[in-house]
């Protein structure tokens, strides 16, 4: 029958494995959030330039009427989706940044606990 010390060591090892898994996932998803934000910002800038171009340059007809209300509504809707994409990317980034801080705090408490145990 294992004693309490062995159970605690096993518990600490399981928690360590879990924490390493969370850290690895957190880094990957945080980087993915950064890439998502960058792409969404570029798309948003592209859509804004397409919407403003006919008003800034004065050119209203190329192959299509750039001031066509249907086209403008569609571009504004796509731009709205891009803003939602930016919002979701920013929320994910903030979540994983907070998760990283929490992991650092857990690591610090773990180190403090090990120092108390060792002596």
C-alpha atoms as a PDB file:
ATOM      1  CA  UNK A   1       0.000   0.000   0.000  1.00  0.00           C
ATOM      2  CA  UNK A   2       1.583   3.319  -1.054  1.00  0.00           C
ATOM      3  CA  UNK A   3       2.220   5.859   1.636  1.00  0.00           C
ATOM      4  CA  UNK A   4       1.042   9.501   1.573  1.00  0.00           C
ATOM      5  CA  UNK A   5       4.429  10.726   0.340  1.00  0.00           C
ATOM      6  CA  UNK A   6       4.315   8.571  -2.779  1.00  0.00           C
ATOM      7  CA  UNK A   7       0.745   9.654  -3.472  1.00  0.00           C
ATOM      8  CA  UNK A   8       1.749  13.318  -3.220  1.00  0.00           C
ATOM      9  CA  UNK A   9       4.717  12.797  -5.538  1.00  0.00           C
ATOM     10  CA  UNK A  10       2.491  11.022  -8.073  1.00  0.00           C
ATOM     11  CA  UNK A  11      -0.063  13.822  -7.791  1.00  0.00           C
ATOM     12  CA  UNK A  12       2.613  16.470  -8.335  1.00  0.00           C
ATOM     13  CA  UNK A  13       3.918  14.599 -11.397  1.00  0.00           C
ATOM     14  CA  UNK A  14       0.429  14.382 -12.917  1.00  0.00           C
ATOM     15  CA  UNK A  15      -0.146  18.084 -12.264  1.00  0.00           C
ATOM     16  CA  UNK A  16       3.230  18.882 -13.844  1.00  0.00           C
ATOM     17  CA  UNK A  17       2.378  16.888 -16.971  1.00  0.00           C
ATOM     18  CA  UNK A  18      -0.978  18.625 -17.217  1.00  0.00           C
ATOM     19  CA  UNK A  19       0.595  22.048 -16.745  1.00  0.00           C
ATOM     20  CA  UNK A  20       3.176  21.363 -19.471  1.00  0.00           C
ATOM     21  CA  UNK A  21       0.377  20.307 -21.813  1.00  0.00           C
ATOM     22  CA  UNK A  22      -1.575  23.504 -21.067  1.00  0.00           C
ATOM     23  CA  UNK A  23       1.559  25.635 -21.577  1.00  0.00           C
ATOM     24  CA  UNK A  24       2.273  24.078 -24.965  1.00  0.00           C
ATOM     25  CA  UNK A  25      -1.323  24.570 -26.107  1.00  0.00           C
ATOM     26  CA  UNK A  26      -1.399  28.110 -24.773  1.00  0.00           C
ATOM     27  CA  UNK A  27       1.688  29.102 -26.767  1.00  0.00           C
ATOM     28  CA  UNK A  28       0.334  27.596 -29.985  1.00  0.00           C
ATOM     29  CA  UNK A  29      -3.073  29.199 -29.645  1.00  0.00           C
ATOM     30  CA  UNK A  30      -1.626  32.561 -28.653  1.00  0.00           C
ATOM     31  CA  UNK A  31       0.532  32.553 -31.794  1.00  0.00           C
ATOM     32  CA  UNK A  32      -2.507  31.540 -33.848  1.00  0.00           C
ATOM     33  CA  UNK A  33      -4.412  34.475 -32.349  1.00  0.00           C
ATOM     34  CA  UNK A  34      -1.611  36.846 -33.368  1.00  0.00           C
ATOM     35  CA  UNK A  35      -1.682  35.533 -36.954  1.00  0.00           C
ATOM     36  CA  UNK A  36      -5.493  35.790 -36.996  1.00  0.00           C
ATOM     37  CA  UNK A  37      -5.334  39.391 -35.826  1.00  0.00           C
ATOM     38  CA  UNK A  38      -2.752  40.291 -38.460  1.00  0.00           C
ATOM     39  CA  UNK A  39      -4.773  38.740 -41.292  1.00  0.00           C
ATOM     40  CA  UNK A  40      -8.015  40.305 -40.082  1.00  0.00           C
ATOM     41  CA  UNK A  41      -6.428  43.762 -39.848  1.00  0.00           C
ATOM     42  CA  UNK A  42      -5.053  43.439 -43.394  1.00  0.00           C
ATOM     43  CA  UNK A  43      -8.443  42.327 -44.705  1.00  0.00           C
ATOM     44  CA  UNK A  44     -10.145  45.160 -42.858  1.00  0.00           C
ATOM     45  CA  UNK A  45      -7.761  47.726 -44.329  1.00  0.00           C
ATOM     46  CA  UNK A  46      -8.347  46.250 -47.775  1.00  0.00           C
ATOM     47  CA  UNK A  47     -12.125  46.527 -47.446  1.00  0.00           C
ATOM     48  CA  UNK A  48     -11.953  50.074 -46.112  1.00  0.00           C
ATOM     49  CA  UNK A  49      -9.778  51.105 -49.055  1.00  0.00           C
ATOM     50  CA  UNK A  50     -12.233  49.483 -51.491  1.00  0.00           C
ATOM     51  CA  UNK A  51     -15.161  51.286 -49.908  1.00  0.00           C
ATOM     52  CA  UNK A  52     -13.421  54.683 -49.819  1.00  0.00           C
ATOM     53  CA  UNK A  53     -11.658  54.467 -53.199  1.00  0.00           C
ATOM     54  CA  UNK A  54     -14.562  55.643 -55.388  1.00  0.00           C
ATOM     55  CA  UNK A  55     -15.261  58.573 -53.077  1.00  0.00           C
ATOM     56  CA  UNK A  56     -11.620  59.636 -52.753  1.00  0.00           C
ATOM     57  CA  UNK A  57     -10.630  59.258 -56.409  1.00  0.00           C
ATOM     58  CA  UNK A  58     -13.960  60.351 -57.876  1.00  0.00           C
ATOM     59  CA  UNK A  59     -13.945  57.323 -60.142  1.00  0.00           C
ATOM     60  CA  UNK A  60     -17.339  55.667 -59.913  1.00  0.00           C
ATOM     61  CA  UNK A  61     -17.309  53.297 -62.889  1.00  0.00           C
ATOM     62  CA  UNK A  62     -14.606  50.865 -63.866  1.00  0.00           C
ATOM     63  CA  UNK A  63     -16.192  47.549 -64.830  1.00  0.00           C
ATOM     64  CA  UNK A  64     -18.959  47.958 -62.277  1.00  0.00           C
ATOM     65  CA  UNK A  65     -20.574  50.895 -60.573  1.00  0.00           C
ATOM     66  CA  UNK A  66     -18.521  51.223 -57.394  1.00  0.00           C
ATOM     67  CA  UNK A  67     -21.272  53.320 -55.833  1.00  0.00           C
ATOM     68  CA  UNK A  68     -23.901  50.665 -56.432  1.00  0.00           C
ATOM     69  CA  UNK A  69     -25.813  50.341 -53.153  1.00  0.00           C
ATOM     70  CA  UNK A  70     -25.888  46.548 -53.380  1.00  0.00           C
ATOM     71  CA  UNK A  71     -22.123  46.385 -53.779  1.00  0.00           C
ATOM     72  CA  UNK A  72     -21.547  48.856 -50.963  1.00  0.00           C
ATOM     73  CA  UNK A  73     -23.878  46.958 -48.634  1.00  0.00           C
ATOM     74  CA  UNK A  74     -22.079  43.717 -49.435  1.00  0.00           C
ATOM     75  CA  UNK A  75     -18.677  45.307 -48.803  1.00  0.00           C
ATOM     76  CA  UNK A  76     -19.870  46.815 -45.518  1.00  0.00           C
ATOM     77  CA  UNK A  77     -21.244  43.409 -44.432  1.00  0.00           C
ATOM     78  CA  UNK A  78     -17.955  41.718 -45.273  1.00  0.00           C
ATOM     79  CA  UNK A  79     -16.127  44.461 -43.401  1.00  0.00           C
ATOM     80  CA  UNK A  80     -18.450  43.864 -40.427  1.00  0.00           C
ATOM     81  CA  UNK A  81     -17.534  40.177 -40.481  1.00  0.00           C
ATOM     82  CA  UNK A  82     -13.890  41.197 -40.534  1.00  0.00           C
ATOM     83  CA  UNK A  83     -14.446  43.346 -37.451  1.00  0.00           C
ATOM     84  CA  UNK A  84     -16.057  40.353 -35.723  1.00  0.00           C
ATOM     85  CA  UNK A  85     -13.017  38.283 -36.718  1.00  0.00           C
ATOM     86  CA  UNK A  86     -10.712  40.915 -35.206  1.00  0.00           C
ATOM     87  CA  UNK A  87     -12.813  40.937 -32.023  1.00  0.00           C
ATOM     88  CA  UNK A  88     -12.673  37.147 -31.648  1.00  0.00           C
ATOM     89  CA  UNK A  89      -8.933  37.114 -32.369  1.00  0.00           C
ATOM     90  CA  UNK A  90      -8.346  39.836 -29.771  1.00  0.00           C
ATOM     91  CA  UNK A  91     -10.433  38.002 -27.165  1.00  0.00           C
ATOM     92  CA  UNK A  92      -8.507  34.783 -27.801  1.00  0.00           C
ATOM     93  CA  UNK A  93      -5.194  36.616 -27.556  1.00  0.00           C
ATOM     94  CA  UNK A  94      -6.182  38.241 -24.253  1.00  0.00           C
ATOM     95  CA  UNK A  95      -7.430  34.925 -22.864  1.00  0.00           C
ATOM     96  CA  UNK A  96      -4.196  33.113 -23.671  1.00  0.00           C
ATOM     97  CA  UNK A  97      -2.128  36.003 -22.338  1.00  0.00           C
ATOM     98  CA  UNK A  98      -4.019  35.784 -19.015  1.00  0.00           C
ATOM     99  CA  UNK A  99      -3.579  32.014 -19.070  1.00  0.00           C
ATOM    100  CA  UNK A 100       0.187  32.466 -19.442  1.00  0.00           C
ATOM    101  CA  UNK A 101       0.221  34.798 -16.429  1.00  0.00           C
ATOM    102  CA  UNK A 102      -1.763  32.269 -14.416  1.00  0.00           C
ATOM    103  CA  UNK A 103       0.682  29.537 -15.353  1.00  0.00           C
ATOM    104  CA  UNK A 104       3.583  31.735 -14.222  1.00  0.00           C
ATOM    105  CA  UNK A 105       1.859  32.263 -10.883  1.00  0.00           C
ATOM    106  CA  UNK A 106       1.298  28.521 -10.522  1.00  0.00           C
ATOM    107  CA  UNK A 107       4.958  27.886 -11.343  1.00  0.00           C
ATOM    108  CA  UNK A 108       6.046  30.447  -8.734  1.00  0.00           C
ATOM    109  CA  UNK A 109       3.845  28.847  -6.074  1.00  0.00           C
ATOM    110  CA  UNK A 110       5.148  25.429  -7.102  1.00  0.00           C
ATOM    111  CA  UNK A 111       8.744  26.622  -6.701  1.00  0.00           C
ATOM    112  CA  UNK A 112       7.888  28.133  -3.316  1.00  0.00           C
ATOM    113  CA  UNK A 113       6.304  24.851  -2.219  1.00  0.00           C
ATOM    114  CA  UNK A 114       9.342  22.869  -3.367  1.00  0.00           C
ATOM    115  CA  UNK A 115      11.659  25.183  -1.428  1.00  0.00           C
ATOM    116  CA  UNK A 116       9.575  24.675   1.711  1.00  0.00           C
ATOM    117  CA  UNK A 117       9.577  20.913   1.220  1.00  0.00           C
ATOM    118  CA  UNK A 118      13.329  20.715   0.533  1.00  0.00           C
ATOM    119  CA  UNK A 119      14.298  22.725   3.419  1.00  0.00           C
END
